[in-house]
Amino acid sequence: MTGPKLVTVYRSQGMLPAQVVKGKLESAGIPVFLKYESLGQIFGLTVDGLGLVEVQVPDEWADDALALVQEDTGDGWPDEENTEDEVAEEGLEDVL
């Protein structure tokens, strides 16, 4: 007996971004599996493919999952060119 066909909807170098995407998909009710090389996790390596993490979903959920992943257009960090302007506007010079 074989399980559902899994489709990779996101790849990251390291576990943290993959966990964020996994949480977003699971909160939408989509079952998620992470595929990664265990050696990279044990030794904390993220070079030469050892830190690669693939976020996979069953084939029937792939379209919904891809739409949710593509919904996020940025990496969550402000653009470098806007950072100084935002800091000056909010008076956060001492924080940075």
C-alpha atoms as a PDB file:
ATOM      1  CA  MET A   1       0.000   0.000   0.000  1.00  0.00           C
ATOM      2  CA  THR A   2       1.387   3.391  -0.953  1.00  0.00           C
ATOM      3  CA  GLY A   3       0.631   6.733   0.597  1.00  0.00           C
ATOM      4  CA  PRO A   4      -0.366   9.931  -1.193  1.00  0.00           C
ATOM      5  CA  LYS A   5       2.000  11.422  -3.743  1.00  0.00           C
ATOM      6  CA  LEU A   6       3.864  14.329  -2.148  1.00  0.00           C
ATOM      7  CA  VAL A   7       4.581  17.575  -3.969  1.00  0.00           C
ATOM      8  CA  THR A   8       7.291  20.034  -2.922  1.00  0.00           C
ATOM      9  CA  VAL A   9       5.787  23.516  -2.591  1.00  0.00           C
ATOM     10  CA  TYR A  10       8.701  25.311  -0.904  1.00  0.00           C
ATOM     11  CA  ARG A  11      12.441  24.824  -0.394  1.00  0.00           C
ATOM     12  CA  SER A  12      14.613  26.588   2.137  1.00  0.00           C
ATOM     13  CA  GLN A  13      18.205  26.538   3.264  1.00  0.00           C
ATOM     14  CA  GLY A  14      17.709  25.776   6.942  1.00  0.00           C
ATOM     15  CA  MET A  15      14.841  24.609   9.108  1.00  0.00           C
ATOM     16  CA  LEU A  16      13.477  27.937  10.378  1.00  0.00           C
ATOM     17  CA  PRO A  17      11.933  29.272   7.135  1.00  0.00           C
ATOM     18  CA  ALA A  18      10.507  25.823   6.406  1.00  0.00           C
ATOM     19  CA  GLN A  19       8.906  25.694   9.862  1.00  0.00           C
ATOM     20  CA  VAL A  20       7.294  29.098   9.264  1.00  0.00           C
ATOM     21  CA  VAL A  21       5.797  27.933   5.957  1.00  0.00           C
ATOM     22  CA  LYS A  22       4.729  24.659   7.566  1.00  0.00           C
ATOM     23  CA  GLY A  23       2.892  26.561  10.301  1.00  0.00           C
ATOM     24  CA  LYS A  24       1.136  28.774   7.754  1.00  0.00           C
ATOM     25  CA  LEU A  25      -0.039  25.781   5.739  1.00  0.00           C
ATOM     26  CA  GLU A  26      -1.116  23.782   8.785  1.00  0.00           C
ATOM     27  CA  SER A  27      -3.112  26.745  10.075  1.00  0.00           C
ATOM     28  CA  ALA A  28      -5.043  26.581   6.787  1.00  0.00           C
ATOM     29  CA  GLY A  29      -5.771  22.892   7.404  1.00  0.00           C
ATOM     30  CA  ILE A  30      -3.250  21.561   4.883  1.00  0.00           C
ATOM     31  CA  PRO A  31      -1.251  18.484   5.943  1.00  0.00           C
ATOM     32  CA  VAL A  32       2.482  19.182   5.685  1.00  0.00           C
ATOM     33  CA  PHE A  33       5.610  17.047   5.676  1.00  0.00           C
ATOM     34  CA  LEU A  34       9.201  18.252   5.920  1.00  0.00           C
ATOM     35  CA  LYS A  35      11.876  16.415   3.959  1.00  0.00           C
ATOM     36  CA  TYR A  36      15.471  17.047   4.978  1.00  0.00           C
ATOM     37  CA  GLU A  37      18.832  15.409   5.425  1.00  0.00           C
ATOM     38  CA  SER A  38      19.215  14.501   9.085  1.00  0.00           C
ATOM     39  CA  LEU A  39      22.984  15.046   9.054  1.00  0.00           C
ATOM     40  CA  GLY A  40      22.462  18.757   8.387  1.00  0.00           C
ATOM     41  CA  GLN A  41      20.167  18.983  11.417  1.00  0.00           C
ATOM     42  CA  ILE A  42      22.506  17.053  13.702  1.00  0.00           C
ATOM     43  CA  PHE A  43      25.595  19.107  12.906  1.00  0.00           C
ATOM     44  CA  GLY A  44      23.840  22.374  12.054  1.00  0.00           C
ATOM     45  CA  LEU A  45      25.271  22.449   8.554  1.00  0.00           C
ATOM     46  CA  THR A  46      23.595  24.492   5.849  1.00  0.00           C
ATOM     47  CA  VAL A  47      26.103  24.106   3.016  1.00  0.00           C
ATOM     48  CA  ASP A  48      26.200  21.934  -0.071  1.00  0.00           C
ATOM     49  CA  GLY A  49      22.608  20.772   0.243  1.00  0.00           C
ATOM     50  CA  LEU A  50      22.876  19.510   3.820  1.00  0.00           C
ATOM     51  CA  GLY A  51      20.644  22.284   5.124  1.00  0.00           C
ATOM     52  CA  LEU A  52      18.051  21.971   2.373  1.00  0.00           C
ATOM     53  CA  VAL A  53      14.515  21.494   3.694  1.00  0.00           C
ATOM     54  CA  GLU A  54      11.608  20.727   1.371  1.00  0.00           C
ATOM     55  CA  VAL A  55       8.058  21.508   2.454  1.00  0.00           C
ATOM     56  CA  GLN A  56       5.813  18.865   0.927  1.00  0.00           C
ATOM     57  CA  VAL A  57       2.062  18.411   0.782  1.00  0.00           C
ATOM     58  CA  PRO A  58      -0.173  15.671  -0.640  1.00  0.00           C
ATOM     59  CA  ASP A  59      -0.849  16.106  -4.355  1.00  0.00           C
ATOM     60  CA  GLU A  60      -4.513  17.015  -3.856  1.00  0.00           C
ATOM     61  CA  TRP A  61      -3.513  19.967  -1.621  1.00  0.00           C
ATOM     62  CA  ALA A  62      -0.709  21.282  -3.873  1.00  0.00           C
ATOM     63  CA  ASP A  63      -2.642  24.093  -5.590  1.00  0.00           C
ATOM     64  CA  ASP A  64      -3.971  25.502  -2.317  1.00  0.00           C
ATOM     65  CA  ALA A  65      -0.551  25.222  -0.681  1.00  0.00           C
ATOM     66  CA  LEU A  66       1.244  26.935  -3.570  1.00  0.00           C
ATOM     67  CA  ALA A  67      -1.258  29.789  -3.484  1.00  0.00           C
ATOM     68  CA  LEU A  68      -0.615  30.306   0.240  1.00  0.00           C
ATOM     69  CA  VAL A  69       3.162  30.126  -0.153  1.00  0.00           C
ATOM     70  CA  GLN A  70       3.140  32.590  -3.054  1.00  0.00           C
ATOM     71  CA  GLU A  71       0.858  34.927  -1.092  1.00  0.00           C
ATOM     72  CA  ASP A  72       3.881  35.995   0.956  1.00  0.00           C
ATOM     73  CA  THR A  73       5.809  38.237  -1.404  1.00  0.00           C
ATOM     74  CA  GLY A  74       8.638  39.145   0.954  1.00  0.00           C
ATOM     75  CA  ASP A  75      10.849  37.625   3.557  1.00  0.00           C
ATOM     76  CA  GLY A  76       9.332  39.612   6.414  1.00  0.00           C
ATOM     77  CA  TRP A  77      12.238  42.051   6.662  1.00  0.00           C
ATOM     78  CA  PRO A  78      12.022  45.687   5.602  1.00  0.00           C
ATOM     79  CA  ASP A  79      13.769  46.670   2.397  1.00  0.00           C
ATOM     80  CA  GLU A  80      17.273  47.947   3.016  1.00  0.00           C
ATOM     81  CA  GLU A  81      16.520  51.240   1.274  1.00  0.00           C
ATOM     82  CA  ASN A  82      13.482  51.846   3.493  1.00  0.00           C
ATOM     83  CA  THR A  83      15.067  50.852   6.777  1.00  0.00           C
ATOM     84  CA  GLU A  84      16.729  54.178   7.533  1.00  0.00           C
ATOM     85  CA  ASP A  85      13.591  56.149   6.617  1.00  0.00           C
ATOM     86  CA  GLU A  86      11.390  53.972   8.826  1.00  0.00           C
ATOM     87  CA  VAL A  87      13.821  54.248  11.716  1.00  0.00           C
ATOM     88  CA  ALA A  88      13.984  58.036  11.430  1.00  0.00           C
ATOM     89  CA  GLU A  89      10.185  58.323  11.226  1.00  0.00           C
ATOM     90  CA  GLU A  90       9.616  56.198  14.296  1.00  0.00           C
ATOM     91  CA  GLY A  91      12.515  57.594  16.332  1.00  0.00           C
ATOM     92  CA  LEU A  92      14.166  54.215  16.782  1.00  0.00           C
ATOM     93  CA  GLU A  93      17.761  55.272  16.125  1.00  0.00           C
ATOM     94  CA  ASP A  94      18.853  54.037  19.563  1.00  0.00           C
ATOM     95  CA  VAL A  95      17.286  50.611  19.014  1.00  0.00           C
ATOM     96  CA  LEU A  96      19.275  49.862  15.869  1.00  0.00           C
END
